[in-house]
Structures are given as C-alpha cells and as structure tokens.
Amino acid sequence: MMRTGILHADGAARGNPGPAAIGVVVTDSDGAELKAFGEAIGVATNNVAEYRALIAGLQAARDLGIDSLRVRLDSELLVRQMTGAYRVKSAHLKPLHELARTLASTFADVRFEHVPRSENARADALCNQALDAPEREAAPDPHAPDEAAPHPRLF
C-alpha cells in the first residue's frame, strides 16, 4: 500500500543574503503532522533558503517512508523551477536544484503546488522561530571533569 503525504516547506533570509532559516512540516494525507522542524542555516539568500527547506523536507518525507508526496510551497519561482516551467539560471542554485530533483525522483509520485503564504503558515512560523532563536550556549561536555568534584589522588 502506498503511503501518501504532504510537505510544506519554507525558507527565509533576513537581508539578501543574510541570516537564514528553514521550516518543514510533513503531514499524512489527512493533515496529521508526522514531522515538523525549523533550523537556522547560517547566511544565505532567500532562494537558497527556499531550496534548502525543500531538500530537507524531501529527505524527511523519504525517511518517513512516504511514497506519494504533494509538495506545497509559497515560492512560485521554486515551484516553476521544480516543474520545469522555468529554467534555473543562477549558477549557485543549480546544484541545489539538481539535488532537489534527484530527491524528488525517489518518490513513486510527487507533485509540486504553489500555495499562498497563508496556506504555508506552519512552515513559515517554524522558519521564523529558527531565525528569532537566540544563540544557544554550547551544551556542556558530559565527559569533561566536574570542577566541583574532588580530584582523585594519583598516589
């Protein structure tokens, strides 16, 4: 039996280029959320962020065992490039486009749809949360010696 799903993905950069992030939501065909995440990706252009979100979403859907995927994006440019209606002219986007096409080809069925931003709100919110997240302190190394613990005697 074929497992179907819906992917909502969004990427954004504050400044172009500037600090960028992605938001990804994968649901089953009834809309139940299977996986959702946002992630800062460093400095990138908006189009690079959009492609990185799509790639991360395609990988997540594949990892969830989805065979038939409807991809819903609010970037008309990305949808038209992925469907072949527009050529990818920017040299820096070509490798990302090729990777996205390769990942898309691993599904038995994949369809790309342009949707208004309002229909991509959850992915957009995850993307913005990742952009707004303060720099987190590095987690402490669990293998580092505890400074408060007494040092063992060596002799």
C-alpha atoms as a PDB file:
ATOM      1  CA  MET A   1       0.000   0.000   0.000  1.00  0.00           C
ATOM      2  CA  MET A   2       1.308   3.423  -0.961  1.00  0.00           C
ATOM      3  CA  ARG A   3       1.916   5.883   1.885  1.00  0.00           C
ATOM      4  CA  THR A   4       0.911   9.403   0.910  1.00  0.00           C
ATOM      5  CA  GLY A   5       1.949  12.670   2.468  1.00  0.00           C
ATOM      6  CA  ILE A   6       2.040  16.422   2.139  1.00  0.00           C
ATOM      7  CA  LEU A   7       5.166  18.534   2.512  1.00  0.00           C
ATOM      8  CA  HIS A   8       5.040  22.221   3.419  1.00  0.00           C
ATOM      9  CA  ALA A   9       8.447  23.886   3.284  1.00  0.00           C
ATOM     10  CA  ASP A  10       9.602  27.471   3.607  1.00  0.00           C
ATOM     11  CA  GLY A  11      12.925  29.248   3.666  1.00  0.00           C
ATOM     12  CA  ALA A  12      13.723  32.845   4.506  1.00  0.00           C
ATOM     13  CA  ALA A  13      16.667  35.185   4.773  1.00  0.00           C
ATOM     14  CA  ARG A  14      16.735  38.482   6.619  1.00  0.00           C
ATOM     15  CA  GLY A  15      18.735  40.514   4.195  1.00  0.00           C
ATOM     16  CA  ASN A  16      19.575  39.005   0.858  1.00  0.00           C
ATOM     17  CA  PRO A  17      21.943  37.444   1.699  1.00  0.00           C
ATOM     18  CA  GLY A  18      21.556  37.454   5.455  1.00  0.00           C
ATOM     19  CA  PRO A  19      20.805  35.186   8.412  1.00  0.00           C
ATOM     20  CA  ALA A  20      18.596  32.414   7.019  1.00  0.00           C
ATOM     21  CA  ALA A  21      16.474  29.529   8.206  1.00  0.00           C
ATOM     22  CA  ILE A  22      14.160  26.800   7.006  1.00  0.00           C
ATOM     23  CA  GLY A  23      10.807  25.452   8.173  1.00  0.00           C
ATOM     24  CA  VAL A  24       9.491  21.998   7.260  1.00  0.00           C
ATOM     25  CA  VAL A  25       6.178  20.266   8.002  1.00  0.00           C
ATOM     26  CA  VAL A  26       5.334  16.764   6.779  1.00  0.00           C
ATOM     27  CA  THR A  27       1.788  15.503   7.283  1.00  0.00           C
ATOM     28  CA  ASP A  28      -0.121  12.425   6.239  1.00  0.00           C
ATOM     29  CA  SER A  29      -2.843  12.804   3.615  1.00  0.00           C
ATOM     30  CA  ASP A  30      -5.380  13.650   6.347  1.00  0.00           C
ATOM     31  CA  GLY A  31      -3.228  16.502   7.672  1.00  0.00           C
ATOM     32  CA  ALA A  32      -1.910  14.778  10.807  1.00  0.00           C
ATOM     33  CA  GLU A  33       1.586  16.102  11.480  1.00  0.00           C
ATOM     34  CA  LEU A  34       4.289  13.445  11.130  1.00  0.00           C
ATOM     35  CA  LYS A  35       7.357  15.672  11.447  1.00  0.00           C
ATOM     36  CA  ALA A  36       7.941  19.398  11.822  1.00  0.00           C
ATOM     37  CA  PHE A  37      11.082  21.407  12.428  1.00  0.00           C
ATOM     38  CA  GLY A  38      12.792  24.724  11.871  1.00  0.00           C
ATOM     39  CA  GLU A  39      16.517  25.245  11.609  1.00  0.00           C
ATOM     40  CA  ALA A  40      18.898  28.168  11.176  1.00  0.00           C
ATOM     41  CA  ILE A  41      21.182  27.587   8.175  1.00  0.00           C
ATOM     42  CA  GLY A  42      23.629  30.478   8.500  1.00  0.00           C
ATOM     43  CA  VAL A  43      23.962  33.237   5.916  1.00  0.00           C
ATOM     44  CA  ALA A  44      22.171  32.597   2.627  1.00  0.00           C
ATOM     45  CA  THR A  45      19.960  34.228   0.030  1.00  0.00           C
ATOM     46  CA  ASN A  46      16.204  33.768   0.163  1.00  0.00           C
ATOM     47  CA  ASN A  47      16.237  31.422  -2.856  1.00  0.00           C
ATOM     48  CA  VAL A  48      18.983  29.275  -1.344  1.00  0.00           C
ATOM     49  CA  ALA A  49      16.969  29.064   1.885  1.00  0.00           C
ATOM     50  CA  GLU A  50      13.859  28.025  -0.096  1.00  0.00           C
ATOM     51  CA  TYR A  51      15.818  25.242  -1.818  1.00  0.00           C
ATOM     52  CA  ARG A  52      17.416  24.105   1.445  1.00  0.00           C
ATOM     53  CA  ALA A  53      13.939  23.870   3.028  1.00  0.00           C
ATOM     54  CA  LEU A  54      12.658  21.835   0.086  1.00  0.00           C
ATOM     55  CA  ILE A  55      15.661  19.475   0.229  1.00  0.00           C
ATOM     56  CA  ALA A  56      15.310  18.960   3.993  1.00  0.00           C
ATOM     57  CA  GLY A  57      11.588  18.328   3.569  1.00  0.00           C
ATOM     58  CA  LEU A  58      12.071  15.814   0.762  1.00  0.00           C
ATOM     59  CA  GLN A  59      14.635  13.966   2.883  1.00  0.00           C
ATOM     60  CA  ALA A  60      12.283  13.964   5.890  1.00  0.00           C
ATOM     61  CA  ALA A  61       9.376  12.635   3.807  1.00  0.00           C
ATOM     62  CA  ARG A  62      11.576   9.916   2.333  1.00  0.00           C
ATOM     63  CA  ASP A  63      12.837   8.959   5.809  1.00  0.00           C
ATOM     64  CA  LEU A  64       9.193   8.642   6.927  1.00  0.00           C
ATOM     65  CA  GLY A  65       8.567   6.095   4.173  1.00  0.00           C
ATOM     66  CA  ILE A  66       6.274   8.287   2.097  1.00  0.00           C
ATOM     67  CA  ASP A  67       5.854   7.097  -1.497  1.00  0.00           C
ATOM     68  CA  SER A  68       3.437   9.661  -2.909  1.00  0.00           C
ATOM     69  CA  LEU A  69       4.100  13.278  -1.985  1.00  0.00           C
ATOM     70  CA  ARG A  70       2.336  16.573  -2.605  1.00  0.00           C
ATOM     71  CA  VAL A  71       4.804  19.439  -2.114  1.00  0.00           C
ATOM     72  CA  ARG A  72       3.185  22.752  -1.230  1.00  0.00           C
ATOM     73  CA  LEU A  73       5.413  25.836  -1.436  1.00  0.00           C
ATOM     74  CA  ASP A  74       4.702  29.560  -1.311  1.00  0.00           C
ATOM     75  CA  SER A  75       7.649  30.276  -3.618  1.00  0.00           C
ATOM     76  CA  GLU A  76       6.229  30.414  -7.133  1.00  0.00           C
ATOM     77  CA  LEU A  77       9.760  30.555  -8.550  1.00  0.00           C
ATOM     78  CA  LEU A  78      10.727  27.316  -6.834  1.00  0.00           C
ATOM     79  CA  VAL A  79       7.556  25.514  -7.941  1.00  0.00           C
ATOM     80  CA  ARG A  80       8.051  26.637 -11.542  1.00  0.00           C
ATOM     81  CA  GLN A  81      11.717  25.599 -11.497  1.00  0.00           C
ATOM     82  CA  MET A  82      10.879  22.191  -9.995  1.00  0.00           C
ATOM     83  CA  THR A  83       8.143  21.552 -12.567  1.00  0.00           C
ATOM     84  CA  GLY A  84      10.365  22.637 -15.446  1.00  0.00           C
ATOM     85  CA  ALA A  85       8.302  25.702 -16.373  1.00  0.00           C
ATOM     86  CA  TYR A  86      11.314  27.927 -15.567  1.00  0.00           C
ATOM     87  CA  ARG A  87      14.974  27.210 -16.117  1.00  0.00           C
ATOM     88  CA  VAL A  88      17.418  27.638 -13.245  1.00  0.00           C
ATOM     89  CA  LYS A  89      19.682  30.442 -14.426  1.00  0.00           C
ATOM     90  CA  SER A  90      21.664  31.196 -11.249  1.00  0.00           C
ATOM     91  CA  ALA A  91      24.818  29.091 -11.090  1.00  0.00           C
ATOM     92  CA  HIS A  92      24.696  28.918  -7.287  1.00  0.00           C
ATOM     93  CA  LEU A  93      21.156  27.461  -7.387  1.00  0.00           C
ATOM     94  CA  LYS A  94      21.857  24.758  -9.998  1.00  0.00           C
ATOM     95  CA  PRO A  95      23.437  22.228  -7.578  1.00  0.00           C
ATOM     96  CA  LEU A  96      20.565  22.716  -5.107  1.00  0.00           C
ATOM     97  CA  HIS A  97      18.015  22.293  -7.900  1.00  0.00           C
ATOM     98  CA  GLU A  98      19.725  19.107  -9.094  1.00  0.00           C
ATOM     99  CA  LEU A  99      19.767  17.673  -5.566  1.00  0.00           C
ATOM    100  CA  ALA A 100      16.086  18.537  -5.090  1.00  0.00           C
ATOM    101  CA  ARG A 101      15.203  16.925  -8.460  1.00  0.00           C
ATOM    102  CA  THR A 102      17.187  13.806  -7.538  1.00  0.00           C
ATOM    103  CA  LEU A 103      15.415  13.520  -4.177  1.00  0.00           C
ATOM    104  CA  ALA A 104      12.021  14.149  -5.790  1.00  0.00           C
ATOM    105  CA  SER A 105      12.694  11.342  -8.267  1.00  0.00           C
ATOM    106  CA  THR A 106      12.928   8.827  -5.394  1.00  0.00           C
ATOM    107  CA  PHE A 107       9.157   9.092  -4.824  1.00  0.00           C
ATOM    108  CA  ALA A 108       6.715   6.977  -6.828  1.00  0.00           C
ATOM    109  CA  ASP A 109       4.634  10.129  -7.289  1.00  0.00           C
ATOM    110  CA  VAL A 110       5.498  13.735  -6.465  1.00  0.00           C
ATOM    111  CA  ARG A 111       3.516  16.875  -7.319  1.00  0.00           C
ATOM    112  CA  PHE A 112       4.540  20.473  -6.717  1.00  0.00           C
ATOM    113  CA  GLU A 113       1.908  23.102  -5.921  1.00  0.00           C
ATOM    114  CA  HIS A 114       2.186  26.835  -5.390  1.00  0.00           C
ATOM    115  CA  VAL A 115       0.095  27.957  -2.409  1.00  0.00           C
ATOM    116  CA  PRO A 116      -0.488  31.349  -0.805  1.00  0.00           C
ATOM    117  CA  ARG A 117       1.690  32.109   2.207  1.00  0.00           C
ATOM    118  CA  SER A 118      -1.395  31.757   4.420  1.00  0.00           C
ATOM    119  CA  GLU A 119      -1.581  28.063   3.461  1.00  0.00           C
ATOM    120  CA  ASN A 120       2.080  27.598   4.381  1.00  0.00           C
ATOM    121  CA  ALA A 121       1.769  29.292   7.775  1.00  0.00           C
ATOM    122  CA  ARG A 122       3.115  26.448   9.954  1.00  0.00           C
ATOM    123  CA  ALA A 123       6.327  26.067   7.916  1.00  0.00           C
ATOM    124  CA  ASP A 124       6.711  29.859   7.819  1.00  0.00           C
ATOM    125  CA  ALA A 125       6.292  30.058  11.607  1.00  0.00           C
ATOM    126  CA  LEU A 126       8.907  27.340  12.193  1.00  0.00           C
ATOM    127  CA  CYS A 127      11.281  29.164   9.873  1.00  0.00           C
ATOM    128  CA  ASN A 128      10.773  32.466  11.713  1.00  0.00           C
ATOM    129  CA  GLN A 129      11.156  30.796  15.122  1.00  0.00           C
ATOM    130  CA  ALA A 130      14.522  29.449  13.981  1.00  0.00           C
ATOM    131  CA  LEU A 131      15.536  32.917  12.756  1.00  0.00           C
ATOM    132  CA  ASP A 132      14.444  34.519  16.024  1.00  0.00           C
ATOM    133  CA  ALA A 133      16.021  31.917  18.333  1.00  0.00           C
ATOM    134  CA  PRO A 134      18.847  33.408  20.397  1.00  0.00           C
ATOM    135  CA  GLU A 135      22.280  31.926  20.021  1.00  0.00           C
ATOM    136  CA  ARG A 136      22.326  28.984  22.357  1.00  0.00           C
ATOM    137  CA  GLU A 137      25.255  28.265  24.594  1.00  0.00           C
ATOM    138  CA  ALA A 138      27.115  25.114  23.745  1.00  0.00           C
ATOM    139  CA  ALA A 139      25.879  22.150  25.724  1.00  0.00           C
ATOM    140  CA  PRO A 140      28.322  21.108  28.420  1.00  0.00           C
ATOM    141  CA  ASP A 141      30.585  18.206  27.517  1.00  0.00           C
ATOM    142  CA  PRO A 142      29.340  15.230  29.550  1.00  0.00           C
ATOM    143  CA  HIS A 143      32.862  13.807  29.508  1.00  0.00           C
ATOM    144  CA  ALA A 144      34.527  16.918  30.884  1.00  0.00           C
ATOM    145  CA  PRO A 145      35.664  16.671  34.504  1.00  0.00           C
ATOM    146  CA  ASP A 146      33.298  18.182  37.036  1.00  0.00           C
ATOM    147  CA  GLU A 147      35.172  21.101  38.576  1.00  0.00           C
ATOM    148  CA  ALA A 148      33.244  20.755  41.849  1.00  0.00           C
ATOM    149  CA  ALA A 149      34.095  17.083  42.257  1.00  0.00           C
ATOM    150  CA  PRO A 150      37.153  16.267  44.332  1.00  0.00           C
ATOM    151  CA  HIS A 151      40.144  15.221  42.263  1.00  0.00           C
ATOM    152  CA  PRO A 152      41.160  11.631  42.788  1.00  0.00           C
ATOM    153  CA  ARG A 153      44.523  11.078  44.399  1.00  0.00           C
ATOM    154  CA  LEU A 154      47.040   9.758  41.956  1.00  0.00           C
ATOM    155  CA  PHE A 155      49.302   8.272  44.714  1.00  0.00           C
END
